[in-house]
Amino acid sequence: MTMTVELGALEQVVDRLVRDGRYGSKSEVLRTGVRLVQEHEARLAALLGKLEEGIADADAGRLSALEDARAAFEARWAADGG
């Protein structure tokens, strides 16, 4: 499927990535970018799901001590490359 896109100043970035040999074509750069957006959106959806779970747990009185919650968050953040 052929698509026309207006990249504005980003077109220079795409051109440079291809010219420098990082990618084989402009299409490859854009496919990689779209994949990264998909991954980002999936992680965001997972985070929002966990937030909703946390709110439901708080509403139901299922809470953890702040120190325990912070330690768990920091461990997860570090594991994800935070």
C-alpha atoms as a PDB file:
ATOM      1  CA  MET A   1       0.000   0.000   0.000  1.00  0.00           C
ATOM      2  CA  THR A   2       1.412   3.368  -0.990  1.00  0.00           C
ATOM      3  CA  MET A   3       1.009   6.292   1.380  1.00  0.00           C
ATOM      4  CA  THR A   4       2.037   9.918   1.182  1.00  0.00           C
ATOM      5  CA  VAL A   5       3.092  11.570   4.418  1.00  0.00           C
ATOM      6  CA  GLU A   6       4.159  15.089   5.288  1.00  0.00           C
ATOM      7  CA  LEU A   7       7.071  14.892   7.715  1.00  0.00           C
ATOM      8  CA  GLY A   8       8.122  18.515   7.763  1.00  0.00           C
ATOM      9  CA  ALA A   9      11.467  18.906   9.535  1.00  0.00           C
ATOM     10  CA  LEU A  10      11.449  15.196  10.406  1.00  0.00           C
ATOM     11  CA  GLU A  11      12.128  14.405   6.758  1.00  0.00           C
ATOM     12  CA  GLN A  12      15.701  15.605   7.274  1.00  0.00           C
ATOM     13  CA  VAL A  13      16.073  13.136  10.138  1.00  0.00           C
ATOM     14  CA  VAL A  14      14.747  10.292   7.992  1.00  0.00           C
ATOM     15  CA  ASP A  15      17.050  11.254   5.118  1.00  0.00           C
ATOM     16  CA  ARG A  16      20.069  11.368   7.433  1.00  0.00           C
ATOM     17  CA  LEU A  17      19.285   7.936   8.916  1.00  0.00           C
ATOM     18  CA  VAL A  18      19.136   6.415   5.438  1.00  0.00           C
ATOM     19  CA  ARG A  19      22.180   8.331   4.175  1.00  0.00           C
ATOM     20  CA  ASP A  20      24.225   7.246   7.227  1.00  0.00           C
ATOM     21  CA  GLY A  21      23.303   3.623   6.565  1.00  0.00           C
ATOM     22  CA  ARG A  22      21.325   3.108   9.769  1.00  0.00           C
ATOM     23  CA  TYR A  23      18.301   2.104   7.682  1.00  0.00           C
ATOM     24  CA  GLY A  24      17.987   0.782   4.159  1.00  0.00           C
ATOM     25  CA  SER A  25      15.126   3.021   3.105  1.00  0.00           C
ATOM     26  CA  LYS A  26      12.773   5.742   4.228  1.00  0.00           C
ATOM     27  CA  SER A  27      10.025   3.132   4.495  1.00  0.00           C
ATOM     28  CA  GLU A  28      12.155   1.111   6.897  1.00  0.00           C
ATOM     29  CA  VAL A  29      12.628   4.173   9.117  1.00  0.00           C
ATOM     30  CA  LEU A  30       8.891   4.858   9.157  1.00  0.00           C
ATOM     31  CA  ARG A  31       8.002   1.201   9.842  1.00  0.00           C
ATOM     32  CA  THR A  32      10.396   1.204  12.786  1.00  0.00           C
ATOM     33  CA  GLY A  33       8.857   4.422  14.065  1.00  0.00           C
ATOM     34  CA  VAL A  34       5.328   3.052  13.831  1.00  0.00           C
ATOM     35  CA  ARG A  35       6.398  -0.145  15.629  1.00  0.00           C
ATOM     36  CA  LEU A  36       7.889   1.951  18.423  1.00  0.00           C
ATOM     37  CA  VAL A  37       4.649   3.924  18.713  1.00  0.00           C
ATOM     38  CA  GLN A  38       2.719   0.635  18.916  1.00  0.00           C
ATOM     39  CA  GLU A  39       5.015  -0.598  21.699  1.00  0.00           C
ATOM     40  CA  HIS A  40       4.651   2.701  23.538  1.00  0.00           C
ATOM     41  CA  GLU A  41       0.861   2.600  23.256  1.00  0.00           C
ATOM     42  CA  ALA A  42       0.779  -1.001  24.520  1.00  0.00           C
ATOM     43  CA  ARG A  43       2.927  -0.092  27.534  1.00  0.00           C
ATOM     44  CA  LEU A  44       0.755   2.939  28.214  1.00  0.00           C
ATOM     45  CA  ALA A  45      -2.403   0.805  28.052  1.00  0.00           C
ATOM     46  CA  ALA A  46      -0.839  -1.705  30.462  1.00  0.00           C
ATOM     47  CA  LEU A  47       0.121   1.107  32.831  1.00  0.00           C
ATOM     48  CA  LEU A  48      -3.374   2.576  32.733  1.00  0.00           C
ATOM     49  CA  GLY A  49      -4.798  -0.893  33.405  1.00  0.00           C
ATOM     50  CA  LYS A  50      -2.567  -1.249  36.469  1.00  0.00           C
ATOM     51  CA  LEU A  51      -3.606   2.218  37.612  1.00  0.00           C
ATOM     52  CA  GLU A  52      -7.262   1.235  37.363  1.00  0.00           C
ATOM     53  CA  GLU A  53      -6.516  -1.952  39.331  1.00  0.00           C
ATOM     54  CA  GLY A  54      -4.788   0.121  41.992  1.00  0.00           C
ATOM     55  CA  ILE A  55      -7.708   2.508  42.268  1.00  0.00           C
ATOM     56  CA  ALA A  56     -10.106  -0.428  42.571  1.00  0.00           C
ATOM     57  CA  ASP A  57      -7.892  -1.984  45.265  1.00  0.00           C
ATOM     58  CA  ALA A  58      -7.780   1.311  47.164  1.00  0.00           C
ATOM     59  CA  ASP A  59     -11.550   1.682  46.901  1.00  0.00           C
ATOM     60  CA  ALA A  60     -11.909  -1.859  48.285  1.00  0.00           C
ATOM     61  CA  GLY A  61      -9.514  -1.139  51.160  1.00  0.00           C
ATOM     62  CA  ARG A  62      -6.708  -3.343  49.805  1.00  0.00           C
ATOM     63  CA  LEU A  63      -3.706  -1.082  50.365  1.00  0.00           C
ATOM     64  CA  SER A  64       0.038  -1.587  50.877  1.00  0.00           C
ATOM     65  CA  ALA A  65       2.351   0.414  53.070  1.00  0.00           C
ATOM     66  CA  LEU A  66       3.845   3.315  51.120  1.00  0.00           C
ATOM     67  CA  GLU A  67       7.378   1.994  51.610  1.00  0.00           C
ATOM     68  CA  ASP A  68       6.422  -1.432  50.190  1.00  0.00           C
ATOM     69  CA  ALA A  69       4.656   0.113  47.215  1.00  0.00           C
ATOM     70  CA  ARG A  70       7.584   2.424  46.501  1.00  0.00           C
ATOM     71  CA  ALA A  71      10.112  -0.426  46.674  1.00  0.00           C
ATOM     72  CA  ALA A  72       8.017  -2.527  44.276  1.00  0.00           C
ATOM     73  CA  PHE A  73       7.680   0.416  41.885  1.00  0.00           C
ATOM     74  CA  GLU A  74      11.398   1.175  41.933  1.00  0.00           C
ATOM     75  CA  ALA A  75      12.280  -2.486  41.318  1.00  0.00           C
ATOM     76  CA  ARG A  76       9.906  -2.652  38.366  1.00  0.00           C
ATOM     77  CA  TRP A  77      11.164   0.672  36.990  1.00  0.00           C
ATOM     78  CA  ALA A  78      14.771  -0.537  37.175  1.00  0.00           C
ATOM     79  CA  ALA A  79      13.871  -3.859  35.521  1.00  0.00           C
ATOM     80  CA  ASP A  80      12.179  -1.987  32.658  1.00  0.00           C
ATOM     81  CA  GLY A  81      15.274   0.154  32.105  1.00  0.00           C
ATOM     82  CA  GLY A  82      13.752   3.200  33.824  1.00  0.00           C
END
